[in-house]
Amino acid sequence: MDPFKATMIGYGLLAVVSTAAARQQPSQPVQPFPATAGTVGSVGLDGTIDKFYAGTHTAIVKTADGLSHLIHLTDRTTVHGIQSDEPFRGLSEGSHVVVHYVVDRSRKTAVEVDRVGEGGFRIVQGEVVSLDRASRRLTVRLPDDSQVVLRLTDRAAHDVGKEVATRTRVVVYYIDEDGVQAAHYFKKVE
């Protein structure tokens, strides 16, 4: 058989099959994919800067469980715990940080970065005595049985520590703001 004829017969059969299949399908509007359930607010990430790329304003933050997260920094990213006119300069490889980020599609954009350590945020560990998100207060019993009362930032009161309740062991990251110990992040510890 002539190759041209064979090709034309093939196209003809394809058109007949396609038309028959289209007639069998009921005419219904195509439903869009449901929206992916996203996170409302920001997500907290406790880790160490593995790599920092000042030119592209990105950092790879490695968490204790070994996962690496690519974080994008913008001119609207707030950096705490660094005394500098250019706060991104205070972020360097090996810095312990808590990053509060939002996710848009797969891009993680930092809203706030808290540097932990000398001159930055301090850490306290203990058991939650009370957690009042409405009043923005967290009371923690320390290992020596003393208690510390911390004021929660708006972000901490709303977005952080959803799994934390009374009698939960926690680690809290705080900084002194105008004489008040302000907790920016806290999480449950095992």
Protein backbone atom coordinates (compact mmCIF):
# COMPACT_ATOMS: atom_id res chain seq x y z
CA MET A 1 0.00 0.00 0.00
CA ASP A 2 1.12 3.49 -0.79
CA PRO A 3 2.52 5.28 2.33
CA PHE A 4 0.40 8.33 1.56
CA LYS A 5 -2.80 6.25 1.45
CA ALA A 6 -1.89 4.48 4.72
CA THR A 7 -1.35 7.81 6.45
CA MET A 8 -4.63 9.21 5.18
CA ILE A 9 -6.54 6.09 6.30
CA GLY A 10 -4.91 6.39 9.75
CA TYR A 11 -5.97 10.02 10.09
CA GLY A 12 -9.48 9.13 8.94
CA LEU A 13 -9.79 6.35 11.54
CA LEU A 14 -8.51 8.69 14.26
CA ALA A 15 -11.12 11.31 13.32
CA VAL A 16 -13.95 8.72 13.40
CA VAL A 17 -12.89 7.32 16.79
CA SER A 18 -12.46 10.80 18.28
CA THR A 19 -15.88 11.91 17.05
CA ALA A 20 -17.56 8.77 18.43
CA ALA A 21 -15.86 9.20 21.80
CA ALA A 22 -16.91 12.85 21.99
CA ARG A 23 -20.56 11.92 21.32
CA GLN A 24 -20.53 9.39 24.18
CA GLN A 25 -19.32 11.94 26.74
CA PRO A 26 -22.09 14.08 28.24
CA SER A 27 -21.53 17.75 27.75
CA GLN A 28 -20.54 19.05 31.18
CA PRO A 29 -18.50 22.08 32.10
CA VAL A 30 -14.96 21.29 33.12
CA GLN A 31 -14.57 21.67 36.87
CA PRO A 32 -11.45 23.53 37.98
CA PHE A 33 -9.09 21.85 40.40
CA PRO A 34 -9.97 22.71 43.98
CA ALA A 35 -7.75 25.29 45.57
CA THR A 36 -4.97 23.83 47.63
CA ALA A 37 -5.53 24.41 51.29
CA GLY A 38 -2.84 26.88 52.28
CA THR A 39 -1.44 28.05 55.54
CA VAL A 40 -3.08 31.09 56.99
CA GLY A 41 -0.47 33.27 58.68
CA SER A 42 3.18 32.42 58.87
CA VAL A 43 5.13 29.26 59.60
CA GLY A 44 8.02 29.19 62.08
CA LEU A 45 11.24 27.41 61.26
CA ASP A 46 14.03 26.87 63.80
CA GLY A 47 17.40 26.12 62.22
CA THR A 48 20.87 27.16 61.19
CA ILE A 49 21.84 29.09 58.07
CA ASP A 50 23.69 26.54 55.96
CA LYS A 51 24.30 28.90 53.03
CA PHE A 52 23.54 32.59 52.62
CA TYR A 53 23.48 34.26 49.21
CA ALA A 54 23.55 38.02 49.76
CA GLY A 55 23.31 38.81 46.05
CA THR A 56 20.03 36.97 45.59
CA HIS A 57 18.74 37.53 49.14
CA THR A 58 18.21 33.83 49.74
CA ALA A 59 19.30 31.47 52.47
CA ILE A 60 19.30 27.74 52.94
CA VAL A 61 18.21 27.02 56.49
CA LYS A 62 18.88 23.55 57.85
CA THR A 63 16.69 22.25 60.66
CA ALA A 64 17.70 19.83 63.43
CA ASP A 65 16.10 16.93 61.56
CA GLY A 66 18.45 17.55 58.62
CA LEU A 67 15.96 19.11 56.19
CA SER A 68 17.09 22.11 54.16
CA HIS A 69 14.69 24.94 53.29
CA LEU A 70 15.30 27.61 50.65
CA ILE A 71 14.10 30.91 52.14
CA HIS A 72 13.71 34.13 50.15
CA LEU A 73 14.33 37.48 51.89
CA THR A 74 12.81 40.73 50.66
CA ASP A 75 13.16 44.40 51.53
CA ARG A 76 10.07 43.89 53.73
CA THR A 77 11.66 41.07 55.75
CA THR A 78 12.19 42.18 59.35
CA VAL A 79 15.41 41.00 60.98
CA HIS A 80 15.64 40.95 64.80
CA GLY A 81 18.66 40.38 66.98
CA ILE A 82 21.13 42.27 64.78
CA GLN A 83 22.35 45.78 65.51
CA SER A 84 23.10 47.06 62.01
CA ASP A 85 21.82 49.44 59.38
CA GLU A 86 22.02 46.52 56.96
CA PRO A 87 20.53 43.61 58.92
CA PHE A 88 21.08 41.02 56.17
CA ARG A 89 24.83 41.48 56.77
CA GLY A 90 24.35 40.08 60.27
CA LEU A 91 23.05 36.84 58.82
CA SER A 92 25.83 34.47 58.02
CA GLU A 93 26.49 30.80 57.58
CA GLY A 94 26.28 29.02 60.91
CA SER A 95 23.89 31.57 62.47
CA HIS A 96 21.10 30.03 64.56
CA VAL A 97 17.83 31.60 63.40
CA VAL A 98 14.09 31.33 63.67
CA VAL A 99 12.48 32.22 60.36
CA HIS A 100 8.80 33.14 60.10
CA TYR A 101 7.77 32.65 56.49
CA VAL A 102 4.74 32.50 54.24
CA VAL A 103 4.30 30.13 51.33
CA ASP A 104 3.09 31.21 47.91
CA ARG A 105 2.92 28.15 45.67
CA SER A 106 6.26 26.54 46.57
CA ARG A 107 8.17 29.75 47.37
CA LYS A 108 8.95 30.39 51.04
CA THR A 109 9.32 34.12 51.71
CA ALA A 110 10.60 35.29 55.09
CA VAL A 111 8.42 37.78 56.91
CA GLU A 112 10.70 37.88 59.96
CA VAL A 113 14.10 36.44 60.83
CA ASP A 114 15.15 36.21 64.48
CA ARG A 115 18.86 35.64 65.10
CA VAL A 116 19.46 33.53 68.21
CA GLY A 117 22.56 33.85 70.36
CA GLU A 118 24.91 36.56 71.54
CA GLY A 119 23.30 39.97 71.08
CA GLY A 120 20.14 38.35 69.71
CA PHE A 121 17.37 36.17 70.98
CA ARG A 122 17.64 34.15 74.17
CA ILE A 123 16.20 30.72 74.83
CA VAL A 124 14.28 29.44 77.83
CA GLN A 125 13.00 25.90 78.30
CA GLY A 126 10.38 24.66 80.70
CA GLU A 127 6.78 23.58 81.20
CA VAL A 128 3.80 25.73 80.25
CA VAL A 129 1.85 26.88 83.29
CA SER A 130 -0.55 29.02 81.27
CA LEU A 131 -0.98 30.15 77.69
CA ASP A 132 -3.44 32.98 77.04
CA ARG A 133 -3.32 33.91 73.38
CA ALA A 134 -6.01 36.60 73.72
CA SER A 135 -4.00 38.42 76.40
CA ARG A 136 -0.74 37.50 74.65
CA ARG A 137 0.81 35.95 77.79
CA LEU A 138 2.82 32.78 78.21
CA THR A 139 3.91 31.59 81.68
CA VAL A 140 6.62 28.93 81.83
CA ARG A 141 7.88 26.99 84.87
CA LEU A 142 11.66 26.65 84.68
CA PRO A 143 13.62 23.58 85.86
CA ASP A 144 14.46 25.37 89.16
CA ASP A 145 10.67 25.75 89.83
CA SER A 146 10.73 29.52 89.24
CA GLN A 147 8.36 30.98 86.64
CA VAL A 148 8.84 33.44 83.84
CA VAL A 149 6.01 35.42 82.23
CA LEU A 150 6.54 36.39 78.62
CA ARG A 151 4.53 38.68 76.37
CA LEU A 152 3.68 37.07 73.04
CA THR A 153 4.06 39.08 69.86
CA ASP A 154 1.00 39.21 67.63
CA ARG A 155 2.57 36.61 65.32
CA ALA A 156 3.44 34.30 68.21
CA ALA A 157 -0.05 34.61 69.70
CA HIS A 158 -1.72 33.87 66.37
CA ASP A 159 0.55 31.61 64.30
CA VAL A 160 2.96 29.78 66.61
CA GLY A 161 2.80 26.75 68.87
CA LYS A 162 -0.62 25.43 67.90
CA GLU A 163 0.26 22.06 69.49
CA VAL A 164 1.17 23.68 72.84
CA ALA A 165 -1.13 23.49 75.88
CA THR A 166 -0.78 23.65 79.66
CA ARG A 167 1.84 21.21 81.02
CA THR A 168 3.57 20.96 77.63
CA ARG A 169 7.37 21.15 77.64
CA VAL A 170 8.45 24.03 75.41
CA VAL A 171 11.41 25.99 74.17
CA VAL A 172 10.76 29.73 73.90
CA TYR A 173 12.77 32.26 71.88
CA TYR A 174 12.51 35.76 73.32
CA ILE A 175 14.19 39.15 73.31
CA ASP A 176 14.02 42.13 75.65
CA GLU A 177 11.87 44.85 74.08
CA ASP A 178 11.63 48.00 76.21
CA GLY A 179 12.06 46.06 79.45
CA VAL A 180 9.54 43.36 78.53
CA GLN A 181 10.51 39.81 77.61
CA ALA A 182 8.80 39.35 74.24
CA ALA A 183 8.41 35.80 72.96
CA HIS A 184 8.55 35.67 69.18
CA TYR A 185 8.51 31.89 68.84
CA PHE A 186 7.87 28.81 70.94
CA LYS A 187 7.45 25.13 70.21
CA LYS A 188 6.83 21.83 71.89
CA VAL A 189 9.89 19.78 72.80
CA GLU A 190 10.02 16.08 73.60
